All heavy atoms as atom14 arrays in JSON, in Angstrom:
{
  "sequence": "ENCKCSTCQTHTRAFLHSIANQETVACHLLTVHNIAFQMNLMRS",
  "atom14_mask": [
    [1, 1, 1, 1, 1, 1, 1, 1, 1, 0, 0, 0, 0, 0],
    [1, 1, 1, 1, 1, 1, 1, 1, 0, 0, 0, 0, 0, 0],
    [1, 1, 1, 1, 1, 1, 0, 0, 0, 0, 0, 0, 0, 0],
    [1, 1, 1, 1, 1, 1, 1, 1, 1, 0, 0, 0, 0, 0],
    [1, 1, 1, 1, 1, 1, 0, 0, 0, 0, 0, 0, 0, 0],
    [1, 1, 1, 1, 1, 1, 0, 0, 0, 0, 0, 0, 0, 0],
    [1, 1, 1, 1, 1, 1, 1, 0, 0, 0, 0, 0, 0, 0],
    [1, 1, 1, 1, 1, 1, 0, 0, 0, 0, 0, 0, 0, 0],
    [1, 1, 1, 1, 1, 1, 1, 1, 1, 0, 0, 0, 0, 0],
    [1, 1, 1, 1, 1, 1, 1, 0, 0, 0, 0, 0, 0, 0],
    [1, 1, 1, 1, 1, 1, 1, 1, 1, 1, 0, 0, 0, 0],
    [1, 1, 1, 1, 1, 1, 1, 0, 0, 0, 0, 0, 0, 0],
    [1, 1, 1, 1, 1, 1, 1, 1, 1, 1, 1, 0, 0, 0],
    [1, 1, 1, 1, 1, 0, 0, 0, 0, 0, 0, 0, 0, 0],
    [1, 1, 1, 1, 1, 1, 1, 1, 1, 1, 1, 0, 0, 0],
    [1, 1, 1, 1, 1, 1, 1, 1, 0, 0, 0, 0, 0, 0],
    [1, 1, 1, 1, 1, 1, 1, 1, 1, 1, 0, 0, 0, 0],
    [1, 1, 1, 1, 1, 1, 0, 0, 0, 0, 0, 0, 0, 0],
    [1, 1, 1, 1, 1, 1, 1, 1, 0, 0, 0, 0, 0, 0],
    [1, 1, 1, 1, 1, 0, 0, 0, 0, 0, 0, 0, 0, 0],
    [1, 1, 1, 1, 1, 1, 1, 1, 0, 0, 0, 0, 0, 0],
    [1, 1, 1, 1, 1, 1, 1, 1, 1, 0, 0, 0, 0, 0],
    [1, 1, 1, 1, 1, 1, 1, 1, 1, 0, 0, 0, 0, 0],
    [1, 1, 1, 1, 1, 1, 1, 0, 0, 0, 0, 0, 0, 0],
    [1, 1, 1, 1, 1, 1, 1, 0, 0, 0, 0, 0, 0, 0],
    [1, 1, 1, 1, 1, 0, 0, 0, 0, 0, 0, 0, 0, 0],
    [1, 1, 1, 1, 1, 1, 0, 0, 0, 0, 0, 0, 0, 0],
    [1, 1, 1, 1, 1, 1, 1, 1, 1, 1, 0, 0, 0, 0],
    [1, 1, 1, 1, 1, 1, 1, 1, 0, 0, 0, 0, 0, 0],
    [1, 1, 1, 1, 1, 1, 1, 1, 0, 0, 0, 0, 0, 0],
    [1, 1, 1, 1, 1, 1, 1, 0, 0, 0, 0, 0, 0, 0],
    [1, 1, 1, 1, 1, 1, 1, 0, 0, 0, 0, 0, 0, 0],
    [1, 1, 1, 1, 1, 1, 1, 1, 1, 1, 0, 0, 0, 0],
    [1, 1, 1, 1, 1, 1, 1, 1, 0, 0, 0, 0, 0, 0],
    [1, 1, 1, 1, 1, 1, 1, 1, 0, 0, 0, 0, 0, 0],
    [1, 1, 1, 1, 1, 0, 0, 0, 0, 0, 0, 0, 0, 0],
    [1, 1, 1, 1, 1, 1, 1, 1, 1, 1, 1, 0, 0, 0],
    [1, 1, 1, 1, 1, 1, 1, 1, 1, 0, 0, 0, 0, 0],
    [1, 1, 1, 1, 1, 1, 1, 1, 0, 0, 0, 0, 0, 0],
    [1, 1, 1, 1, 1, 1, 1, 1, 0, 0, 0, 0, 0, 0],
    [1, 1, 1, 1, 1, 1, 1, 1, 0, 0, 0, 0, 0, 0],
    [1, 1, 1, 1, 1, 1, 1, 1, 0, 0, 0, 0, 0, 0],
    [1, 1, 1, 1, 1, 1, 1, 1, 1, 1, 1, 0, 0, 0],
    [1, 1, 1, 1, 1, 1, 0, 0, 0, 0, 0, 0, 0, 0]
  ],
  "atom14_positions": [
    [[101.56, 141.59, 69.37], [100.24, 141.94, 69.91], [99.21, 142.23, 68.82], [98.01, 142.2, 69.08], [100.38, 143.15, 70.85], [101.12, 142.79, 72.13], [101.54, 143.99, 72.96], [101.57, 145.1, 72.38], [101.84, 143.81, 74.15], [0.0, 0.0, 0.0], [0.0, 0.0, 0.0], [0.0, 0.0, 0.0], [0.0, 0.0, 0.0], [0.0, 0.0, 0.0]],
    [[99.66, 142.49, 67.61], [98.74, 142.78, 66.5], [98.42, 141.55, 65.65], [97.64, 141.63, 64.71], [99.31, 143.87, 65.61], [99.48, 145.18, 66.35], [98.58, 145.6, 67.08], [100.63, 145.83, 66.19], [0.0, 0.0, 0.0], [0.0, 0.0, 0.0], [0.0, 0.0, 0.0], [0.0, 0.0, 0.0], [0.0, 0.0, 0.0], [0.0, 0.0, 0.0]],
    [[99.06, 140.41, 65.98], [98.88, 139.2, 65.17], [97.72, 138.38, 65.7], [97.58, 138.17, 66.91], [100.17, 138.37, 65.19], [100.06, 136.85, 64.21], [0.0, 0.0, 0.0], [0.0, 0.0, 0.0], [0.0, 0.0, 0.0], [0.0, 0.0, 0.0], [0.0, 0.0, 0.0], [0.0, 0.0, 0.0], [0.0, 0.0, 0.0], [0.0, 0.0, 0.0]],
    [[96.88, 137.88, 64.78], [95.7, 137.11, 65.17], [95.9, 135.6, 65.03], [94.94, 134.83, 65.13], [94.49, 137.55, 64.33], [94.04, 138.98, 64.62], [92.83, 139.36, 63.77], [92.27, 140.72, 64.19], [93.24, 141.81, 64.04], [0.0, 0.0, 0.0], [0.0, 0.0, 0.0], [0.0, 0.0, 0.0], [0.0, 0.0, 0.0], [0.0, 0.0, 0.0]],
    [[97.13, 135.16, 64.8], [97.37, 133.72, 64.67], [97.14, 133.02, 66.0], [97.16, 133.64, 67.06], [98.78, 133.44, 64.14], [100.09, 133.51, 65.38], [0.0, 0.0, 0.0], [0.0, 0.0, 0.0], [0.0, 0.0, 0.0], [0.0, 0.0, 0.0], [0.0, 0.0, 0.0], [0.0, 0.0, 0.0], [0.0, 0.0, 0.0], [0.0, 0.0, 0.0]],
    [[96.91, 131.72, 65.96], [96.58, 130.96, 67.16], [97.71, 131.0, 68.19], [97.46, 130.97, 69.4], [96.24, 129.51, 66.8], [97.31, 128.9, 66.1], [0.0, 0.0, 0.0], [0.0, 0.0, 0.0], [0.0, 0.0, 0.0], [0.0, 0.0, 0.0], [0.0, 0.0, 0.0], [0.0, 0.0, 0.0], [0.0, 0.0, 0.0], [0.0, 0.0, 0.0]],
    [[98.95, 131.07, 67.72], [100.09, 131.13, 68.65], [100.05, 132.43, 69.45], [100.17, 132.42, 70.67], [101.42, 131.0, 67.89], [101.43, 129.76, 67.18], [102.6, 131.04, 68.85], [0.0, 0.0, 0.0], [0.0, 0.0, 0.0], [0.0, 0.0, 0.0], [0.0, 0.0, 0.0], [0.0, 0.0, 0.0], [0.0, 0.0, 0.0], [0.0, 0.0, 0.0]],
    [[99.87, 133.53, 68.76], [99.85, 134.84, 69.44], [98.62, 135.01, 70.31], [98.65, 135.74, 71.3], [99.96, 135.97, 68.41], [101.59, 136.1, 67.65], [0.0, 0.0, 0.0], [0.0, 0.0, 0.0], [0.0, 0.0, 0.0], [0.0, 0.0, 0.0], [0.0, 0.0, 0.0], [0.0, 0.0, 0.0], [0.0, 0.0, 0.0], [0.0, 0.0, 0.0]],
    [[97.53, 134.36, 69.94], [96.29, 134.48, 70.7], [96.31, 133.66, 71.99], [95.55, 133.95, 72.92], [95.09, 134.05, 69.85], [94.8, 134.96, 68.67], [94.46, 136.39, 69.07], [93.58, 136.61, 69.89], [95.19, 137.35, 68.53], [0.0, 0.0, 0.0], [0.0, 0.0, 0.0], [0.0, 0.0, 0.0], [0.0, 0.0, 0.0], [0.0, 0.0, 0.0]],
    [[97.18, 132.64, 72.06], [97.1, 131.71, 73.19], [98.39, 131.54, 73.99], [98.36, 130.97, 75.08], [96.64, 130.31, 72.71], [97.51, 129.89, 71.64], [95.22, 130.34, 72.21], [0.0, 0.0, 0.0], [0.0, 0.0, 0.0], [0.0, 0.0, 0.0], [0.0, 0.0, 0.0], [0.0, 0.0, 0.0], [0.0, 0.0, 0.0], [0.0, 0.0, 0.0]],
    [[99.52, 132.02, 73.48], [100.79, 131.76, 74.18], [101.63, 133.02, 74.32], [101.59, 133.91, 73.46], [101.6, 130.69, 73.44], [100.91, 129.36, 73.37], [100.65, 128.6, 74.49], [100.42, 128.67, 72.32], [100.03, 127.49, 74.13], [99.87, 127.51, 72.81], [0.0, 0.0, 0.0], [0.0, 0.0, 0.0], [0.0, 0.0, 0.0], [0.0, 0.0, 0.0]],
    [[102.4, 133.07, 75.4], [103.28, 134.21, 75.65], [104.7, 133.9, 75.21], [105.08, 132.74, 75.01], [103.31, 134.54, 77.16], [103.9, 133.44, 77.86], [101.91, 134.81, 77.7], [0.0, 0.0, 0.0], [0.0, 0.0, 0.0], [0.0, 0.0, 0.0], [0.0, 0.0, 0.0], [0.0, 0.0, 0.0], [0.0, 0.0, 0.0], [0.0, 0.0, 0.0]],
    [[105.49, 134.96, 75.1], [106.9, 134.78, 74.79], [107.59, 133.96, 75.89], [108.47, 133.15, 75.6], [107.57, 136.15, 74.68], [107.06, 137.0, 73.52], [107.73, 138.36, 73.5], [107.27, 139.19, 72.38], [107.82, 140.36, 72.05], [108.84, 140.84, 72.76], [107.35, 141.05, 71.03], [0.0, 0.0, 0.0], [0.0, 0.0, 0.0], [0.0, 0.0, 0.0]],
    [[107.17, 134.18, 77.15], [107.77, 133.44, 78.27], [107.53, 131.94, 78.12], [108.45, 131.12, 78.33], [107.2, 133.95, 79.59], [0.0, 0.0, 0.0], [0.0, 0.0, 0.0], [0.0, 0.0, 0.0], [0.0, 0.0, 0.0], [0.0, 0.0, 0.0], [0.0, 0.0, 0.0], [0.0, 0.0, 0.0], [0.0, 0.0, 0.0], [0.0, 0.0, 0.0]],
    [[106.29, 131.55, 77.77], [105.99, 130.14, 77.58], [106.82, 129.56, 76.44], [107.41, 128.48, 76.57], [104.5, 129.95, 77.3], [104.15, 128.54, 76.88], [104.14, 127.51, 77.81], [103.84, 128.26, 75.56], [103.85, 126.21, 77.42], [103.54, 126.96, 75.16], [103.54, 125.93, 76.09], [0.0, 0.0, 0.0], [0.0, 0.0, 0.0], [0.0, 0.0, 0.0]],
    [[106.86, 130.27, 75.33], [107.61, 129.79, 74.17], [109.09, 129.67, 74.5], [109.76, 128.72, 74.07], [107.38, 130.72, 72.98], [105.94, 130.73, 72.45], [105.73, 131.89, 71.5], [105.6, 129.41, 71.76], [0.0, 0.0, 0.0], [0.0, 0.0, 0.0], [0.0, 0.0, 0.0], [0.0, 0.0, 0.0], [0.0, 0.0, 0.0], [0.0, 0.0, 0.0]],
    [[109.6, 130.61, 75.29], [111.0, 130.53, 75.73], [111.22, 129.26, 76.56], [112.24, 128.57, 76.41], [111.36, 131.76, 76.55], [112.66, 131.61, 77.3], [113.88, 131.77, 76.69], [112.91, 131.29, 78.61], [114.84, 131.56, 77.58], [114.28, 131.27, 78.75], [0.0, 0.0, 0.0], [0.0, 0.0, 0.0], [0.0, 0.0, 0.0], [0.0, 0.0, 0.0]],
    [[110.26, 128.95, 77.41], [110.43, 127.81, 78.33], [110.47, 126.47, 77.61], [111.03, 125.51, 78.13], [109.32, 127.81, 79.38], [108.08, 127.4, 78.82], [0.0, 0.0, 0.0], [0.0, 0.0, 0.0], [0.0, 0.0, 0.0], [0.0, 0.0, 0.0], [0.0, 0.0, 0.0], [0.0, 0.0, 0.0], [0.0, 0.0, 0.0], [0.0, 0.0, 0.0]],
    [[109.86, 126.4, 76.42], [109.84, 125.12, 75.69], [110.74, 125.13, 74.45], [110.93, 124.09, 73.81], [108.4, 124.74, 75.27], [107.82, 125.76, 74.29], [107.51, 124.57, 76.49], [106.5, 125.33, 73.67], [0.0, 0.0, 0.0], [0.0, 0.0, 0.0], [0.0, 0.0, 0.0], [0.0, 0.0, 0.0], [0.0, 0.0, 0.0], [0.0, 0.0, 0.0]],
    [[111.3, 126.29, 74.12], [112.02, 126.43, 72.84], [113.22, 125.51, 72.71], [113.57, 125.09, 71.62], [112.45, 127.88, 72.64], [0.0, 0.0, 0.0], [0.0, 0.0, 0.0], [0.0, 0.0, 0.0], [0.0, 0.0, 0.0], [0.0, 0.0, 0.0], [0.0, 0.0, 0.0], [0.0, 0.0, 0.0], [0.0, 0.0, 0.0], [0.0, 0.0, 0.0]],
    [[113.84, 125.16, 73.83], [115.06, 124.36, 73.76], [114.82, 122.86, 73.74], [115.71, 122.12, 73.34], [115.98, 124.72, 74.93], [116.65, 126.07, 74.73], [117.23, 126.32, 73.68], [116.53, 126.93, 75.72], [0.0, 0.0, 0.0], [0.0, 0.0, 0.0], [0.0, 0.0, 0.0], [0.0, 0.0, 0.0], [0.0, 0.0, 0.0], [0.0, 0.0, 0.0]],
    [[113.63, 122.42, 74.18], [113.47, 120.97, 74.3], [112.18, 120.39, 73.71], [112.12, 119.19, 73.48], [113.58, 120.54, 75.77], [112.51, 121.07, 76.7], [112.91, 122.36, 77.39], [113.94, 122.93, 77.05], [112.12, 122.82, 78.33], [0.0, 0.0, 0.0], [0.0, 0.0, 0.0], [0.0, 0.0, 0.0], [0.0, 0.0, 0.0], [0.0, 0.0, 0.0]],
    [[111.16, 121.19, 73.44], [109.9, 120.63, 72.98], [109.68, 120.88, 71.49], [109.79, 122.01, 71.02], [108.73, 121.24, 73.78], [108.77, 120.98, 75.28], [108.49, 119.52, 75.61], [107.95, 118.8, 74.74], [108.81, 119.11, 76.75], [0.0, 0.0, 0.0], [0.0, 0.0, 0.0], [0.0, 0.0, 0.0], [0.0, 0.0, 0.0], [0.0, 0.0, 0.0]],
    [[109.33, 119.82, 70.76], [109.1, 119.97, 69.31], [107.87, 120.83, 69.04], [107.77, 121.43, 67.97], [108.91, 118.61, 68.63], [107.88, 117.88, 69.31], [110.2, 117.8, 68.67], [0.0, 0.0, 0.0], [0.0, 0.0, 0.0], [0.0, 0.0, 0.0], [0.0, 0.0, 0.0], [0.0, 0.0, 0.0], [0.0, 0.0, 0.0], [0.0, 0.0, 0.0]],
    [[106.94, 120.91, 70.0], [105.75, 121.73, 69.79], [106.13, 123.21, 69.63], [105.4, 123.98, 69.0], [104.72, 121.54, 70.94], [105.19, 122.2, 72.23], [103.35, 122.07, 70.54], [0.0, 0.0, 0.0], [0.0, 0.0, 0.0], [0.0, 0.0, 0.0], [0.0, 0.0, 0.0], [0.0, 0.0, 0.0], [0.0, 0.0, 0.0], [0.0, 0.0, 0.0]],
    [[107.27, 123.6, 70.19], [107.73, 124.99, 70.04], [107.95, 125.32, 68.57], [107.58, 126.4, 68.09], [109.0, 125.22, 70.84], [0.0, 0.0, 0.0], [0.0, 0.0, 0.0], [0.0, 0.0, 0.0], [0.0, 0.0, 0.0], [0.0, 0.0, 0.0], [0.0, 0.0, 0.0], [0.0, 0.0, 0.0], [0.0, 0.0, 0.0], [0.0, 0.0, 0.0]],
    [[108.54, 124.38, 67.84], [108.76, 124.56, 66.39], [107.41, 124.74, 65.68], [107.26, 125.62, 64.83], [109.5, 123.37, 65.83], [109.41, 123.21, 64.04], [0.0, 0.0, 0.0], [0.0, 0.0, 0.0], [0.0, 0.0, 0.0], [0.0, 0.0, 0.0], [0.0, 0.0, 0.0], [0.0, 0.0, 0.0], [0.0, 0.0, 0.0], [0.0, 0.0, 0.0]],
    [[106.44, 123.93, 66.06], [105.11, 124.01, 65.46], [104.48, 125.38, 65.72], [103.99, 126.04, 64.8], [104.22, 122.91, 66.04], [102.76, 123.13, 65.85], [102.13, 122.9, 64.65], [101.8, 123.59, 66.68], [100.85, 123.2, 64.76], [100.62, 123.63, 65.98], [0.0, 0.0, 0.0], [0.0, 0.0, 0.0], [0.0, 0.0, 0.0], [0.0, 0.0, 0.0]],
    [[104.52, 125.84, 66.97], [103.89, 127.11, 67.34], [104.56, 128.29, 66.64], [103.89, 129.22, 66.18], [103.93, 127.29, 68.86], [103.07, 126.3, 69.66], [103.38, 126.42, 71.15], [101.59, 126.53, 69.39], [0.0, 0.0, 0.0], [0.0, 0.0, 0.0], [0.0, 0.0, 0.0], [0.0, 0.0, 0.0], [0.0, 0.0, 0.0], [0.0, 0.0, 0.0]],
    [[105.88, 128.26, 66.54], [106.59, 129.35, 65.88], [106.38, 129.32, 64.36], [106.3, 130.37, 63.72], [108.08, 129.29, 66.21], [108.45, 129.64, 67.65], [109.94, 129.46, 67.88], [108.04, 131.06, 67.99], [0.0, 0.0, 0.0], [0.0, 0.0, 0.0], [0.0, 0.0, 0.0], [0.0, 0.0, 0.0], [0.0, 0.0, 0.0], [0.0, 0.0, 0.0]],
    [[106.27, 128.13, 63.8], [106.01, 128.01, 62.37], [104.65, 128.61, 62.03], [104.5, 129.33, 61.03], [106.07, 126.54, 61.92], [107.38, 126.02, 62.19], [105.78, 126.39, 60.43], [0.0, 0.0, 0.0], [0.0, 0.0, 0.0], [0.0, 0.0, 0.0], [0.0, 0.0, 0.0], [0.0, 0.0, 0.0], [0.0, 0.0, 0.0], [0.0, 0.0, 0.0]],
    [[103.64, 128.32, 62.86], [102.31, 128.91, 62.64], [102.41, 130.43, 62.61], [101.87, 131.08, 61.7], [101.32, 128.46, 63.75], [100.04, 129.29, 63.71], [100.99, 126.98, 63.59], [0.0, 0.0, 0.0], [0.0, 0.0, 0.0], [0.0, 0.0, 0.0], [0.0, 0.0, 0.0], [0.0, 0.0, 0.0], [0.0, 0.0, 0.0], [0.0, 0.0, 0.0]],
    [[103.11, 130.99, 63.59], [103.22, 132.46, 63.62], [103.98, 132.99, 62.4], [103.56, 133.98, 61.79], [103.91, 132.96, 64.89], [104.28, 134.4, 64.79], [103.34, 135.42, 64.89], [105.46, 135.01, 64.49], [103.93, 136.58, 64.69], [105.21, 136.36, 64.45], [0.0, 0.0, 0.0], [0.0, 0.0, 0.0], [0.0, 0.0, 0.0], [0.0, 0.0, 0.0]],
    [[105.1, 132.36, 62.07], [105.93, 132.88, 60.98], [105.22, 132.82, 59.63], [105.36, 133.74, 58.81], [107.27, 132.14, 60.93], [108.21, 132.57, 62.04], [107.89, 133.47, 62.83], [109.35, 131.92, 62.14], [0.0, 0.0, 0.0], [0.0, 0.0, 0.0], [0.0, 0.0, 0.0], [0.0, 0.0, 0.0], [0.0, 0.0, 0.0], [0.0, 0.0, 0.0]],
    [[104.45, 131.74, 59.4], [103.67, 131.68, 58.16], [102.57, 132.74, 58.19], [102.32, 133.43, 57.19], [103.05, 130.28, 57.96], [104.15, 129.23, 57.75], [102.09, 130.28, 56.77], [104.97, 129.4, 56.51], [0.0, 0.0, 0.0], [0.0, 0.0, 0.0], [0.0, 0.0, 0.0], [0.0, 0.0, 0.0], [0.0, 0.0, 0.0], [0.0, 0.0, 0.0]],
    [[101.93, 132.92, 59.35], [100.91, 133.97, 59.48], [101.51, 135.34, 59.21], [100.88, 136.19, 58.55], [100.3, 133.93, 60.89], [0.0, 0.0, 0.0], [0.0, 0.0, 0.0], [0.0, 0.0, 0.0], [0.0, 0.0, 0.0], [0.0, 0.0, 0.0], [0.0, 0.0, 0.0], [0.0, 0.0, 0.0], [0.0, 0.0, 0.0], [0.0, 0.0, 0.0]],
    [[102.72, 135.57, 59.69], [103.4, 136.85, 59.46], [103.57, 137.1, 57.96], [103.27, 138.2, 57.46], [104.77, 136.86, 60.15], [105.6, 138.06, 59.8], [105.45, 139.25, 60.48], [106.53, 138.01, 58.77], [106.21, 140.37, 60.15], [107.29, 139.12, 58.42], [107.13, 140.3, 59.12], [0.0, 0.0, 0.0], [0.0, 0.0, 0.0], [0.0, 0.0, 0.0]],
    [[104.04, 136.08, 57.24], [104.25, 136.24, 55.79], [102.93, 136.48, 55.07], [102.85, 137.32, 54.17], [104.92, 134.97, 55.22], [106.3, 134.64, 55.79], [107.41, 135.54, 55.35], [107.79, 136.45, 56.08], [107.96, 135.33, 54.17], [0.0, 0.0, 0.0], [0.0, 0.0, 0.0], [0.0, 0.0, 0.0], [0.0, 0.0, 0.0], [0.0, 0.0, 0.0]],
    [[101.89, 135.75, 55.45], [100.59, 135.91, 54.81], [100.03, 137.32, 55.08], [99.48, 137.96, 54.18], [99.6, 134.87, 55.32], [99.96, 133.41, 55.01], [100.14, 133.03, 53.25], [101.92, 132.85, 53.12], [0.0, 0.0, 0.0], [0.0, 0.0, 0.0], [0.0, 0.0, 0.0], [0.0, 0.0, 0.0], [0.0, 0.0, 0.0], [0.0, 0.0, 0.0]],
    [[100.17, 137.79, 56.31], [99.67, 139.13, 56.66], [100.42, 140.23, 55.91], [99.83, 141.21, 55.46], [99.79, 139.36, 58.17], [98.82, 138.51, 58.97], [97.79, 138.09, 58.45], [99.16, 138.23, 60.22], [0.0, 0.0, 0.0], [0.0, 0.0, 0.0], [0.0, 0.0, 0.0], [0.0, 0.0, 0.0], [0.0, 0.0, 0.0], [0.0, 0.0, 0.0]],
    [[101.74, 140.05, 55.78], [102.54, 141.03, 55.05], [102.09, 141.12, 53.6], [101.88, 142.22, 53.07], [104.03, 140.64, 55.12], [104.98, 141.49, 54.26], [104.98, 142.95, 54.7], [106.4, 140.91, 54.3], [0.0, 0.0, 0.0], [0.0, 0.0, 0.0], [0.0, 0.0, 0.0], [0.0, 0.0, 0.0], [0.0, 0.0, 0.0], [0.0, 0.0, 0.0]],
    [[101.92, 139.97, 52.96], [101.51, 139.98, 51.55], [100.1, 140.55, 51.39], [99.83, 141.26, 50.42], [101.59, 138.57, 50.95], [102.97, 137.91, 51.03], [104.35, 138.97, 50.55], [104.03, 139.21, 48.81], [0.0, 0.0, 0.0], [0.0, 0.0, 0.0], [0.0, 0.0, 0.0], [0.0, 0.0, 0.0], [0.0, 0.0, 0.0], [0.0, 0.0, 0.0]],
    [[99.23, 140.25, 52.33], [97.87, 140.81, 52.28], [97.91, 142.34, 52.38], [97.21, 143.04, 51.65], [97.02, 140.22, 53.41], [95.52, 140.55, 53.31], [94.73, 139.92, 54.44], [94.89, 138.48, 54.48], [95.56, 137.81, 55.43], [96.12, 138.47, 56.43], [95.66, 136.52, 55.39], [0.0, 0.0, 0.0], [0.0, 0.0, 0.0], [0.0, 0.0, 0.0]],
    [[98.76, 142.84, 53.26], [98.9, 144.29, 53.42], [99.45, 144.94, 52.15], [99.01, 146.02, 51.76], [99.82, 144.6, 54.6], [99.26, 144.12, 55.81], [0.0, 0.0, 0.0], [0.0, 0.0, 0.0], [0.0, 0.0, 0.0], [0.0, 0.0, 0.0], [0.0, 0.0, 0.0], [0.0, 0.0, 0.0], [0.0, 0.0, 0.0], [0.0, 0.0, 0.0]]
  ]
}
C-alpha cells in the first residue's frame, strides 16, 4: 500500500494471483514492483 509503482497503483493481489500461473504479463507486473522495491530501499 505504500508503493507508488504502476503495479501497486493499478492491480490487486487477487488479480495478480489469478494470472500468476498462466499469463506472462504477471511476470512483467511483478518485476516492475520488485525493481521498484529495490530502488525505494536504496533511496531510503
